[in-house]
Structure formats: C-alpha cells, structure tokens
C-alpha cells in the first residue's frame, strides 16, 4: 500500500494523490470514473461498505484507485 494520503475536493470533483490530480465523474449511484487530463484511468465503486478500485489500462494501479476511492467516499459521506 501507499503511504501518502489522497485529498478529495468534492466541490471541484477532484482527488489529489501522489502529485497528480484525478477528476471524478459520476456514472451511477456509488460508481465513478477516474480521469487524468480527460482520459479514463479506472473506476471507483462503493460496495458493501468499502471502496473498490478497478484500473483500466496501466495508468493507475488498483492501490492508487483504492486510495482515491477511500478519500472520495469519505469526503462525500460528510459533504
């Protein structure tokens, strides 16, 4: 696992992690696409009380998407 923390900005629909900014785009209830510069790199899904990351290609790892998902879902739960 990674050691740095992802930081979600719900108002701008972004998550910053390891020096990159990821845009979050809603697909459906608890399902989001994660984009870098307009290109999808994976999806984050909240199911059974946990964030899950699914990479699309090799631009982002499952661990990266998990960290992004955890930050995003924690921030939206309190927003």
C-alpha atoms as a PDB file:
ATOM      1  CA  UNK A   1       0.000   0.000   0.000  1.00  0.00           C
ATOM      2  CA  UNK A   2       0.988   3.600  -0.425  1.00  0.00           C
ATOM      3  CA  UNK A   3       1.964   5.857   2.439  1.00  0.00           C
ATOM      4  CA  UNK A   4       0.732   9.265   1.247  1.00  0.00           C
ATOM      5  CA  UNK A   5      -2.864  10.363   1.709  1.00  0.00           C
ATOM      6  CA  UNK A   6      -5.286  11.219  -1.051  1.00  0.00           C
ATOM      7  CA  UNK A   7      -7.133  14.527  -0.624  1.00  0.00           C
ATOM      8  CA  UNK A   8     -10.638  14.915  -2.053  1.00  0.00           C
ATOM      9  CA  UNK A   9     -12.098  18.231  -3.230  1.00  0.00           C
ATOM     10  CA  UNK A  10     -15.803  17.493  -3.583  1.00  0.00           C
ATOM     11  CA  UNK A  11     -16.699  20.965  -4.886  1.00  0.00           C
ATOM     12  CA  UNK A  12     -14.283  20.607  -7.824  1.00  0.00           C
ATOM     13  CA  UNK A  13     -14.849  16.848  -8.205  1.00  0.00           C
ATOM     14  CA  UNK A  14     -11.148  16.038  -7.905  1.00  0.00           C
ATOM     15  CA  UNK A  15      -8.828  13.969  -5.764  1.00  0.00           C
ATOM     16  CA  UNK A  16      -5.134  14.823  -5.412  1.00  0.00           C
ATOM     17  CA  UNK A  17      -2.798  11.905  -4.826  1.00  0.00           C
ATOM     18  CA  UNK A  18       0.956  11.487  -5.198  1.00  0.00           C
ATOM     19  CA  UNK A  19       1.357  14.722  -7.127  1.00  0.00           C
ATOM     20  CA  UNK A  20      -1.461  14.094  -9.606  1.00  0.00           C
ATOM     21  CA  UNK A  21      -4.959  15.470  -9.832  1.00  0.00           C
ATOM     22  CA  UNK A  22      -7.694  12.983 -10.695  1.00  0.00           C
ATOM     23  CA  UNK A  23     -11.104  14.158 -11.908  1.00  0.00           C
ATOM     24  CA  UNK A  24     -14.068  12.184 -10.608  1.00  0.00           C
ATOM     25  CA  UNK A  25     -17.075  11.717 -12.911  1.00  0.00           C
ATOM     26  CA  UNK A  26     -20.256  10.049 -11.703  1.00  0.00           C
ATOM     27  CA  UNK A  27     -21.525   7.050 -13.652  1.00  0.00           C
ATOM     28  CA  UNK A  28     -24.291   5.973 -11.311  1.00  0.00           C
ATOM     29  CA  UNK A  29     -25.049   5.595  -7.649  1.00  0.00           C
ATOM     30  CA  UNK A  30     -21.752   4.847  -5.868  1.00  0.00           C
ATOM     31  CA  UNK A  31     -19.923   4.303  -9.191  1.00  0.00           C
ATOM     32  CA  UNK A  32     -17.462   6.819 -10.624  1.00  0.00           C
ATOM     33  CA  UNK A  33     -14.927   7.067 -13.445  1.00  0.00           C
ATOM     34  CA  UNK A  34     -11.494   8.425 -12.536  1.00  0.00           C
ATOM     35  CA  UNK A  35      -9.853  10.579 -15.218  1.00  0.00           C
ATOM     36  CA  UNK A  36      -6.419  12.127 -15.697  1.00  0.00           C
ATOM     37  CA  UNK A  37      -6.420  15.004 -18.188  1.00  0.00           C
ATOM     38  CA  UNK A  38      -9.717  13.766 -19.631  1.00  0.00           C
ATOM     39  CA  UNK A  39      -8.574  10.164 -20.096  1.00  0.00           C
ATOM     40  CA  UNK A  40     -10.234   7.431 -18.011  1.00  0.00           C
ATOM     41  CA  UNK A  41      -7.721   5.502 -15.890  1.00  0.00           C
ATOM     42  CA  UNK A  42     -10.176   3.433 -13.857  1.00  0.00           C
ATOM     43  CA  UNK A  43     -13.321   3.284 -11.804  1.00  0.00           C
ATOM     44  CA  UNK A  44     -14.113   3.523  -8.138  1.00  0.00           C
ATOM     45  CA  UNK A  45     -17.113   1.739  -6.697  1.00  0.00           C
ATOM     46  CA  UNK A  46     -18.507   1.786  -3.180  1.00  0.00           C
ATOM     47  CA  UNK A  47     -19.983  -1.579  -2.293  1.00  0.00           C
ATOM     48  CA  UNK A  48     -20.563  -3.496   0.923  1.00  0.00           C
ATOM     49  CA  UNK A  49     -19.126  -0.614   2.964  1.00  0.00           C
ATOM     50  CA  UNK A  50     -15.780  -0.360   1.178  1.00  0.00           C
ATOM     51  CA  UNK A  51     -14.181   1.467  -1.719  1.00  0.00           C
ATOM     52  CA  UNK A  52     -13.002  -0.668  -4.618  1.00  0.00           C
ATOM     53  CA  UNK A  53     -10.737   0.420  -7.458  1.00  0.00           C
ATOM     54  CA  UNK A  54     -10.749  -1.110 -10.927  1.00  0.00           C
ATOM     55  CA  UNK A  55      -7.922   0.026 -13.230  1.00  0.00           C
ATOM     56  CA  UNK A  56      -8.424   0.492 -16.963  1.00  0.00           C
ATOM     57  CA  UNK A  57      -5.012   0.010 -18.515  1.00  0.00           C
ATOM     58  CA  UNK A  58      -1.816   0.660 -16.617  1.00  0.00           C
ATOM     59  CA  UNK A  59      -2.042   4.427 -15.970  1.00  0.00           C
ATOM     60  CA  UNK A  60      -3.222   3.846 -12.382  1.00  0.00           C
ATOM     61  CA  UNK A  61      -2.814   0.878 -10.075  1.00  0.00           C
ATOM     62  CA  UNK A  62      -5.511  -0.797  -8.038  1.00  0.00           C
ATOM     63  CA  UNK A  63      -3.848   0.575  -4.875  1.00  0.00           C
ATOM     64  CA  UNK A  64      -3.943   4.120  -6.284  1.00  0.00           C
ATOM     65  CA  UNK A  65      -7.610   3.806  -7.175  1.00  0.00           C
ATOM     66  CA  UNK A  66      -8.362   2.333  -3.761  1.00  0.00           C
ATOM     67  CA  UNK A  67      -6.735   5.368  -2.069  1.00  0.00           C
ATOM     68  CA  UNK A  68      -8.641   7.744  -4.367  1.00  0.00           C
ATOM     69  CA  UNK A  69     -11.891   5.891  -3.693  1.00  0.00           C
ATOM     70  CA  UNK A  70     -11.383   5.912   0.078  1.00  0.00           C
ATOM     71  CA  UNK A  71     -10.755   9.669   0.061  1.00  0.00           C
ATOM     72  CA  UNK A  72     -13.655  10.387  -2.288  1.00  0.00           C
ATOM     73  CA  UNK A  73     -16.253   8.307  -0.480  1.00  0.00           C
ATOM     74  CA  UNK A  74     -15.155   9.585   2.946  1.00  0.00           C
ATOM     75  CA  UNK A  75     -15.429  13.181   1.733  1.00  0.00           C
ATOM     76  CA  UNK A  76     -18.818  12.708   0.071  1.00  0.00           C
ATOM     77  CA  UNK A  77     -20.228  10.961   3.123  1.00  0.00           C
ATOM     78  CA  UNK A  78     -19.607  14.112   5.179  1.00  0.00           C
ATOM     79  CA  UNK A  79     -20.451  16.661   2.469  1.00  0.00           C
END
